[in-house]
Amino acid sequence: MFRNFSIASDKPVVNSNYFVDFIVIRDNKPWFLVEVKNNTETISESLAYYQKSLGVPHAFQVVMNAPFVNADCFGKSGMPVAVPARTFLSQLF
């Protein structure tokens, strides 16, 4: 399932006012962005900025202290979404 993918980290910067925690590349194309937060907050402007400017299908604000939700994180694309960490991680494998 995850052949030809890589993970970039350390706050990739295109515009010094925006950053995200991770961008995952699959088949040499950006697949999804991740910004990690402890609690539910307003969706990060950085996610929307990079999703639009890089043409990334999925952008997730992963919330560490949120309970599991039985939902498909990858079911929608085009807009950043907040998702509990447990939910997000359960769908990576």
N, C-alpha and C. Protein backbone atom coordinates (compact mmCIF):
# COMPACT_ATOMS: atom_id res chain seq x y z
N MET A 1 0.81 -1.19 0.00
CA MET A 1 0.00 0.00 0.00
C MET A 1 0.86 1.26 0.00
N PHE A 2 1.98 1.26 0.72
CA PHE A 2 2.77 2.47 0.84
C PHE A 2 4.10 2.36 0.10
N ARG A 3 4.11 1.77 -1.06
CA ARG A 3 5.33 1.75 -1.85
C ARG A 3 5.56 3.14 -2.43
N ASN A 4 6.81 3.48 -2.61
CA ASN A 4 7.19 4.75 -3.22
C ASN A 4 6.66 5.96 -2.47
N PHE A 5 6.82 5.96 -1.17
CA PHE A 5 6.44 7.14 -0.40
C PHE A 5 7.58 7.51 0.53
N SER A 6 7.59 8.76 0.94
CA SER A 6 8.59 9.23 1.88
C SER A 6 7.95 10.25 2.80
N ILE A 7 8.66 10.58 3.86
CA ILE A 7 8.15 11.55 4.82
C ILE A 7 9.17 12.67 4.94
N ALA A 8 8.69 13.88 4.82
CA ALA A 8 9.54 15.06 5.04
C ALA A 8 9.10 15.70 6.34
N SER A 9 10.04 16.17 7.12
CA SER A 9 9.72 16.74 8.42
C SER A 9 10.54 18.00 8.66
N ASP A 10 10.61 18.40 9.92
CA ASP A 10 11.37 19.58 10.34
C ASP A 10 10.83 20.87 9.76
N LYS A 11 9.53 21.03 9.79
CA LYS A 11 8.88 22.28 9.42
C LYS A 11 9.29 22.79 8.04
N PRO A 12 8.83 22.13 6.97
CA PRO A 12 9.18 22.63 5.64
C PRO A 12 8.70 24.06 5.47
N VAL A 13 9.53 24.90 4.90
CA VAL A 13 9.20 26.32 4.79
C VAL A 13 9.23 26.75 3.33
N VAL A 14 8.14 27.31 2.87
CA VAL A 14 8.09 27.97 1.58
C VAL A 14 7.91 29.46 1.82
N ASN A 15 7.07 29.77 2.78
CA ASN A 15 6.81 31.14 3.21
C ASN A 15 7.07 31.14 4.71
N SER A 16 7.93 32.00 5.21
CA SER A 16 8.33 31.96 6.61
C SER A 16 7.19 32.19 7.59
N ASN A 17 6.03 32.64 7.11
CA ASN A 17 4.87 32.84 7.99
C ASN A 17 4.05 31.57 8.17
N TYR A 18 4.32 30.56 7.38
CA TYR A 18 3.55 29.32 7.41
C TYR A 18 4.47 28.11 7.55
N PHE A 19 3.99 27.09 8.28
CA PHE A 19 4.72 25.84 8.37
C PHE A 19 3.74 24.73 8.72
N VAL A 20 4.14 23.49 8.43
CA VAL A 20 3.39 22.31 8.84
C VAL A 20 4.39 21.33 9.43
N ASP A 21 3.89 20.36 10.17
CA ASP A 21 4.79 19.41 10.82
C ASP A 21 5.31 18.34 9.87
N PHE A 22 4.45 17.83 8.98
CA PHE A 22 4.86 16.78 8.06
C PHE A 22 4.18 16.96 6.70
N ILE A 23 4.90 16.52 5.68
CA ILE A 23 4.30 16.33 4.37
C ILE A 23 4.72 14.94 3.93
N VAL A 24 3.77 14.14 3.50
CA VAL A 24 4.05 12.79 3.04
C VAL A 24 3.95 12.78 1.52
N ILE A 25 5.00 12.25 0.89
CA ILE A 25 5.11 12.19 -0.56
C ILE A 25 4.87 10.74 -0.99
N ARG A 26 4.02 10.58 -1.99
CA ARG A 26 3.73 9.24 -2.51
C ARG A 26 3.85 9.30 -4.03
N ASP A 27 4.64 8.39 -4.61
CA ASP A 27 4.88 8.38 -6.05
C ASP A 27 5.36 9.75 -6.55
N ASN A 28 6.25 10.36 -5.78
CA ASN A 28 6.87 11.65 -6.10
C ASN A 28 5.88 12.81 -6.15
N LYS A 29 4.73 12.68 -5.51
CA LYS A 29 3.75 13.76 -5.44
C LYS A 29 3.31 13.94 -3.99
N PRO A 30 3.06 15.17 -3.56
CA PRO A 30 2.54 15.38 -2.19
C PRO A 30 1.21 14.64 -2.03
N TRP A 31 1.09 13.84 -0.95
CA TRP A 31 -0.12 13.06 -0.71
C TRP A 31 -0.94 13.67 0.41
N PHE A 32 -0.28 13.93 1.56
CA PHE A 32 -1.01 14.61 2.63
C PHE A 32 -0.08 15.41 3.53
N LEU A 33 -0.67 16.42 4.17
CA LEU A 33 0.01 17.30 5.12
C LEU A 33 -0.52 17.01 6.51
N VAL A 34 0.33 17.21 7.52
CA VAL A 34 -0.08 17.00 8.91
C VAL A 34 0.42 18.15 9.77
N GLU A 35 -0.47 18.70 10.55
CA GLU A 35 -0.13 19.66 11.61
C GLU A 35 -0.68 19.04 12.89
N VAL A 36 0.16 18.86 13.90
CA VAL A 36 -0.25 18.20 15.14
C VAL A 36 -0.51 19.24 16.22
N LYS A 37 -1.64 19.09 16.90
CA LYS A 37 -2.03 19.99 18.00
C LYS A 37 -2.42 19.13 19.20
N ASN A 38 -2.26 19.67 20.40
CA ASN A 38 -2.68 18.94 21.60
C ASN A 38 -4.18 18.91 21.78
N ASN A 39 -4.82 20.02 21.52
CA ASN A 39 -6.26 20.14 21.73
C ASN A 39 -6.93 20.66 20.46
N THR A 40 -8.24 20.49 20.41
CA THR A 40 -8.99 20.99 19.27
C THR A 40 -8.88 22.51 19.23
N GLU A 41 -8.49 23.00 18.11
CA GLU A 41 -8.34 24.43 17.89
C GLU A 41 -8.88 24.75 16.51
N THR A 42 -8.87 26.01 16.17
CA THR A 42 -9.20 26.41 14.81
C THR A 42 -8.22 25.76 13.86
N ILE A 43 -8.70 25.34 12.70
CA ILE A 43 -7.82 24.72 11.72
C ILE A 43 -6.69 25.69 11.37
N SER A 44 -5.50 25.17 11.32
CA SER A 44 -4.30 25.94 11.02
C SER A 44 -4.38 26.57 9.62
N GLU A 45 -4.09 27.85 9.55
CA GLU A 45 -4.04 28.54 8.25
C GLU A 45 -2.93 27.95 7.37
N SER A 46 -1.89 27.44 8.00
CA SER A 46 -0.79 26.85 7.25
C SER A 46 -1.24 25.66 6.42
N LEU A 47 -2.12 24.85 6.98
CA LEU A 47 -2.62 23.69 6.24
C LEU A 47 -3.31 24.12 4.96
N ALA A 48 -4.21 25.08 5.06
CA ALA A 48 -4.93 25.55 3.88
C ALA A 48 -3.96 26.19 2.87
N TYR A 49 -3.01 26.96 3.38
CA TYR A 49 -2.03 27.62 2.51
C TYR A 49 -1.24 26.60 1.69
N TYR A 50 -0.66 25.61 2.39
CA TYR A 50 0.16 24.62 1.69
C TYR A 50 -0.68 23.67 0.84
N GLN A 51 -1.86 23.32 1.30
CA GLN A 51 -2.70 22.44 0.51
C GLN A 51 -3.01 23.08 -0.84
N LYS A 52 -3.35 24.35 -0.80
CA LYS A 52 -3.68 25.06 -2.04
C LYS A 52 -2.43 25.30 -2.89
N SER A 53 -1.36 25.80 -2.28
CA SER A 53 -0.18 26.17 -3.07
C SER A 53 0.57 24.96 -3.63
N LEU A 54 0.53 23.82 -2.93
CA LEU A 54 1.23 22.62 -3.40
C LEU A 54 0.32 21.62 -4.10
N GLY A 55 -0.99 21.86 -4.06
CA GLY A 55 -1.93 20.93 -4.69
C GLY A 55 -2.00 19.59 -3.99
N VAL A 56 -1.97 19.61 -2.66
CA VAL A 56 -1.98 18.37 -1.88
C VAL A 56 -3.43 17.92 -1.66
N PRO A 57 -3.77 16.66 -1.96
CA PRO A 57 -5.15 16.22 -1.82
C PRO A 57 -5.70 16.26 -0.40
N HIS A 58 -4.87 15.92 0.60
CA HIS A 58 -5.35 15.80 1.97
C HIS A 58 -4.49 16.64 2.92
N ALA A 59 -5.16 17.30 3.87
CA ALA A 59 -4.47 18.07 4.91
C ALA A 59 -5.18 17.81 6.23
N PHE A 60 -4.42 17.34 7.22
CA PHE A 60 -5.00 16.94 8.50
C PHE A 60 -4.42 17.74 9.66
N GLN A 61 -5.29 18.23 10.49
CA GLN A 61 -4.87 18.76 11.78
C GLN A 61 -5.14 17.65 12.77
N VAL A 62 -4.09 16.97 13.17
CA VAL A 62 -4.20 15.79 14.04
C VAL A 62 -4.23 16.27 15.48
N VAL A 63 -5.31 15.94 16.18
CA VAL A 63 -5.54 16.41 17.55
C VAL A 63 -5.23 15.28 18.53
N MET A 64 -4.21 15.50 19.34
CA MET A 64 -3.73 14.46 20.26
C MET A 64 -4.74 14.08 21.34
N ASN A 65 -5.43 15.05 21.92
CA ASN A 65 -6.31 14.80 23.06
C ASN A 65 -7.78 14.66 22.69
N ALA A 66 -8.05 14.16 21.51
CA ALA A 66 -9.43 13.94 21.09
C ALA A 66 -9.71 12.44 21.06
N PRO A 67 -10.93 12.03 21.40
CA PRO A 67 -11.27 10.60 21.40
C PRO A 67 -11.40 10.05 19.98
N PHE A 68 -11.21 8.75 19.85
CA PHE A 68 -11.35 8.06 18.57
C PHE A 68 -12.73 8.31 17.97
N VAL A 69 -12.77 8.50 16.67
CA VAL A 69 -14.02 8.65 15.93
C VAL A 69 -13.96 7.66 14.77
N ASN A 70 -15.03 6.90 14.58
CA ASN A 70 -15.07 5.93 13.50
C ASN A 70 -15.45 6.65 12.20
N ALA A 71 -14.44 7.21 11.53
CA ALA A 71 -14.65 7.96 10.30
C ALA A 71 -13.45 7.77 9.38
N ASP A 72 -13.68 7.91 8.09
CA ASP A 72 -12.62 7.77 7.10
C ASP A 72 -11.94 9.11 6.89
N CYS A 73 -10.73 9.26 7.39
CA CYS A 73 -9.97 10.52 7.26
C CYS A 73 -9.71 10.87 5.80
N PHE A 74 -9.49 9.86 4.98
CA PHE A 74 -9.11 10.06 3.59
C PHE A 74 -10.32 10.09 2.65
N GLY A 75 -11.51 10.05 3.22
CA GLY A 75 -12.73 10.01 2.41
C GLY A 75 -13.04 11.31 1.69
N LYS A 76 -12.57 12.41 2.22
CA LYS A 76 -12.79 13.71 1.60
C LYS A 76 -11.44 14.34 1.30
N SER A 77 -11.41 15.15 0.27
CA SER A 77 -10.19 15.88 -0.02
C SER A 77 -10.54 17.29 -0.43
N GLY A 78 -9.54 18.14 -0.46
CA GLY A 78 -9.75 19.50 -0.91
C GLY A 78 -9.76 20.55 0.17
N MET A 79 -10.06 20.15 1.41
CA MET A 79 -10.07 21.10 2.53
C MET A 79 -9.40 20.46 3.74
N PRO A 80 -8.67 21.24 4.53
CA PRO A 80 -8.08 20.69 5.76
C PRO A 80 -9.17 20.25 6.73
N VAL A 81 -8.91 19.15 7.44
CA VAL A 81 -9.86 18.65 8.43
C VAL A 81 -9.14 18.34 9.74
N ALA A 82 -9.84 18.54 10.84
CA ALA A 82 -9.34 18.14 12.16
C ALA A 82 -9.74 16.69 12.38
N VAL A 83 -8.80 15.90 12.87
CA VAL A 83 -9.06 14.48 13.09
C VAL A 83 -8.33 14.03 14.36
N PRO A 84 -8.99 13.22 15.19
CA PRO A 84 -8.30 12.70 16.38
C PRO A 84 -7.08 11.87 15.98
N ALA A 85 -6.02 11.96 16.75
CA ALA A 85 -4.80 11.21 16.46
C ALA A 85 -5.07 9.72 16.38
N ARG A 86 -5.88 9.19 17.28
CA ARG A 86 -6.18 7.76 17.27
C ARG A 86 -6.86 7.33 15.97
N THR A 87 -7.75 8.15 15.49
CA THR A 87 -8.45 7.87 14.24
C THR A 87 -7.46 7.92 13.06
N PHE A 88 -6.69 8.99 13.01
CA PHE A 88 -5.72 9.17 11.92
C PHE A 88 -4.72 8.02 11.88
N LEU A 89 -4.12 7.70 13.02
CA LEU A 89 -3.11 6.64 13.06
C LEU A 89 -3.67 5.27 12.73
N SER A 90 -4.93 5.04 13.07
CA SER A 90 -5.55 3.72 12.79
C SER A 90 -5.71 3.49 11.29
N GLN A 91 -5.63 4.53 10.49
CA GLN A 91 -5.87 4.39 9.06
C GLN A 91 -4.62 4.42 8.20
N LEU A 92 -3.47 4.47 8.84
CA LEU A 92 -2.23 4.50 8.09
C LEU A 92 -1.72 3.12 7.70
N PHE A 93 -2.23 2.07 8.31
CA PHE A 93 -1.72 0.72 8.00
C PHE A 93 -2.80 -0.20 7.57
